[in-house]
C-alpha atoms as a PDB file:
ATOM      1  CA  UNK A   1       2.326  14.551  -6.809  1.00  0.00           C
ATOM      2  CA  UNK A   2       5.527  12.656  -7.555  1.00  0.00           C
ATOM      3  CA  UNK A   3       6.399  12.808  -3.864  1.00  0.00           C
ATOM      4  CA  UNK A   4       3.249  10.844  -3.044  1.00  0.00           C
ATOM      5  CA  UNK A   5       3.975   8.250  -5.726  1.00  0.00           C
ATOM      6  CA  UNK A   6       7.558   7.926  -4.489  1.00  0.00           C
ATOM      7  CA  UNK A   7       6.327   7.443  -0.930  1.00  0.00           C
ATOM      8  CA  UNK A   8       3.826   4.813  -2.071  1.00  0.00           C
ATOM      9  CA  UNK A   9       6.591   2.990  -3.949  1.00  0.00           C
ATOM     10  CA  UNK A  10       8.777   3.058  -0.827  1.00  0.00           C
ATOM     11  CA  UNK A  11       5.937   1.615   1.273  1.00  0.00           C
ATOM     12  CA  UNK A  12       5.301  -1.163  -1.247  1.00  0.00           C
ATOM     13  CA  UNK A  13       9.018  -1.930  -1.333  1.00  0.00           C
ATOM     14  CA  UNK A  14       9.138  -2.141   2.484  1.00  0.00           C
ATOM     15  CA  UNK A  15       6.166  -4.510   2.485  1.00  0.00           C
ATOM     16  CA  UNK A  16       7.703  -6.687  -0.227  1.00  0.00           C
ATOM     17  CA  UNK A  17      11.015  -6.903   1.620  1.00  0.00           C
ATOM     18  CA  UNK A  18       9.182  -7.959   4.772  1.00  0.00           C
ATOM     19  CA  UNK A  19       7.146 -10.538   2.857  1.00  0.00           C
ATOM     20  CA  UNK A  20      10.227 -12.027   1.189  1.00  0.00           C
ATOM     21  CA  UNK A  21      12.116 -12.159   4.500  1.00  0.00           C
ATOM     22  CA  UNK A  22       9.196 -13.941   6.153  1.00  0.00           C
ATOM     23  CA  UNK A  23       8.833 -16.423   3.271  1.00  0.00           C
ATOM     24  CA  UNK A  24      12.544 -17.219   3.205  1.00  0.00           C
ATOM     25  CA  UNK A  25      12.472 -17.610   6.991  1.00  0.00           C
ATOM     26  CA  UNK A  26      15.161 -14.968   7.416  1.00  0.00           C
ATOM     27  CA  UNK A  27      13.116 -13.550  10.262  1.00  0.00           C
ATOM     28  CA  UNK A  28      11.382 -15.580  12.934  1.00  0.00           C
ATOM     29  CA  UNK A  29       7.659 -15.620  13.741  1.00  0.00           C
ATOM     30  CA  UNK A  30       8.089 -13.470  16.850  1.00  0.00           C
ATOM     31  CA  UNK A  31       9.918 -10.764  14.892  1.00  0.00           C
ATOM     32  CA  UNK A  32       7.316 -10.943  12.109  1.00  0.00           C
ATOM     33  CA  UNK A  33       4.487 -10.465  14.605  1.00  0.00           C
ATOM     34  CA  UNK A  34       6.050  -7.419  16.272  1.00  0.00           C
ATOM     35  CA  UNK A  35       7.330  -5.801  13.080  1.00  0.00           C
ATOM     36  CA  UNK A  36       3.920  -6.220  11.445  1.00  0.00           C
ATOM     37  CA  UNK A  37       2.281  -4.368  14.343  1.00  0.00           C
ATOM     38  CA  UNK A  38       4.920  -1.646  14.132  1.00  0.00           C
ATOM     39  CA  UNK A  39       4.404  -1.234  10.375  1.00  0.00           C
ATOM     40  CA  UNK A  40       0.613  -1.048  10.538  1.00  0.00           C
ATOM     41  CA  UNK A  41       0.272   1.155  13.605  1.00  0.00           C
ATOM     42  CA  UNK A  42       3.243   3.521  13.334  1.00  0.00           C
ATOM     43  CA  UNK A  43       5.297   3.492  10.139  1.00  0.00           C
ATOM     44  CA  UNK A  44       2.589   3.387   7.457  1.00  0.00           C
ATOM     45  CA  UNK A  45       0.389   6.117   9.015  1.00  0.00           C
ATOM     46  CA  UNK A  46       3.437   8.301   9.675  1.00  0.00           C
ATOM     47  CA  UNK A  47       4.656   7.883   6.101  1.00  0.00           C
ATOM     48  CA  UNK A  48       1.231   8.770   4.723  1.00  0.00           C
ATOM     49  CA  UNK A  49       0.964  11.851   6.916  1.00  0.00           C
ATOM     50  CA  UNK A  50       4.444  13.053   6.002  1.00  0.00           C
ATOM     51  CA  UNK A  51       3.810  12.619   2.274  1.00  0.00           C
ATOM     52  CA  UNK A  52       0.423  14.347   2.394  1.00  0.00           C
ATOM     53  CA  UNK A  53       1.732  17.270   4.419  1.00  0.00           C
ATOM     54  CA  UNK A  54       4.646  17.774   1.995  1.00  0.00           C
ATOM     55  CA  UNK A  55       2.467  17.994  -1.133  1.00  0.00           C
ATOM     56  CA  UNK A  56       0.935  21.209  -2.377  1.00  0.00           C
ATOM     57  CA  UNK A  57      -2.770  20.980  -3.066  1.00  0.00           C
ATOM     58  CA  UNK A  58      -3.778  21.244  -6.728  1.00  0.00           C
ATOM     59  CA  UNK A  59      -4.987  24.716  -7.592  1.00  0.00           C
ATOM     60  CA  UNK A  60      -6.558  24.496 -11.028  1.00  0.00           C
ATOM     61  CA  UNK A  61      -9.205  22.228 -12.527  1.00  0.00           C
ATOM     62  CA  UNK A  62      -6.870  20.145 -14.681  1.00  0.00           C
ATOM     63  CA  UNK A  63      -4.787  19.114 -11.658  1.00  0.00           C
ATOM     64  CA  UNK A  64      -7.905  18.150  -9.709  1.00  0.00           C
ATOM     65  CA  UNK A  65      -9.205  16.149 -12.672  1.00  0.00           C
ATOM     66  CA  UNK A  66      -5.860  14.353 -12.997  1.00  0.00           C
ATOM     67  CA  UNK A  67      -5.839  13.465  -9.301  1.00  0.00           C
ATOM     68  CA  UNK A  68      -9.423  12.167  -9.515  1.00  0.00           C
ATOM     69  CA  UNK A  69      -8.569  10.135 -12.598  1.00  0.00           C
ATOM     70  CA  UNK A  70      -5.516   8.635 -10.885  1.00  0.00           C
ATOM     71  CA  UNK A  71      -7.648   7.795  -7.855  1.00  0.00           C
ATOM     72  CA  UNK A  72     -10.253   6.053 -10.016  1.00  0.00           C
ATOM     73  CA  UNK A  73      -7.584   4.080 -11.865  1.00  0.00           C
ATOM     74  CA  UNK A  74      -5.975   2.997  -8.577  1.00  0.00           C
ATOM     75  CA  UNK A  75      -9.369   1.904  -7.219  1.00  0.00           C
ATOM     76  CA  UNK A  76     -10.037  -0.095 -10.397  1.00  0.00           C
ATOM     77  CA  UNK A  77      -6.607  -1.751 -10.191  1.00  0.00           C
ATOM     78  CA  UNK A  78      -7.208  -2.578  -6.509  1.00  0.00           C
ATOM     79  CA  UNK A  79     -10.590  -4.088  -7.372  1.00  0.00           C
ATOM     80  CA  UNK A  80      -9.100  -6.221 -10.155  1.00  0.00           C
ATOM     81  CA  UNK A  81      -6.262  -7.430  -7.912  1.00  0.00           C
ATOM     82  CA  UNK A  82      -8.807  -8.284  -5.215  1.00  0.00           C
ATOM     83  CA  UNK A  83     -10.953 -10.279  -7.651  1.00  0.00           C
ATOM     84  CA  UNK A  84      -7.935 -12.187  -8.962  1.00  0.00           C
ATOM     85  CA  UNK A  85      -6.709 -12.883  -5.435  1.00  0.00           C
ATOM     86  CA  UNK A  86     -10.158 -14.103  -4.377  1.00  0.00           C
ATOM     87  CA  UNK A  87     -10.256 -16.538  -7.308  1.00  0.00           C
ATOM     88  CA  UNK A  88      -6.731 -17.815  -6.656  1.00  0.00           C
ATOM     89  CA  UNK A  89      -7.061 -18.115  -2.875  1.00  0.00           C
ATOM     90  CA  UNK A  90     -10.692 -18.684  -1.873  1.00  0.00           C
ATOM     91  CA  UNK A  91     -10.907 -18.356   1.916  1.00  0.00           C
ATOM     92  CA  UNK A  92     -13.726 -20.277   3.603  1.00  0.00           C
ATOM     93  CA  UNK A  93     -15.945 -20.552   0.533  1.00  0.00           C
ATOM     94  CA  UNK A  94     -16.191 -24.345   0.480  1.00  0.00           C
ATOM     95  CA  UNK A  95     -19.755 -25.617   0.581  1.00  0.00           C
END
């Protein structure tokens, strides 16, 4: 399970580095366009597949319950971040 969390942290770190480089104009728009396509179509799916294939499946009920609880917490955190982002940056909601 820690392998999956480590992989997720690595992916978030890669995305943050790319975001900071784009904001600081270290990379140009053409590079950003191509690297974004590469990240979303190749690197992220490959990283997810590698991390899932390397993890043993939980065998007893407590492990399954822990994984389900972690999933629910992550979904709740994602929902809260989405709500906050929607309030901060309303896209096309002007009437």
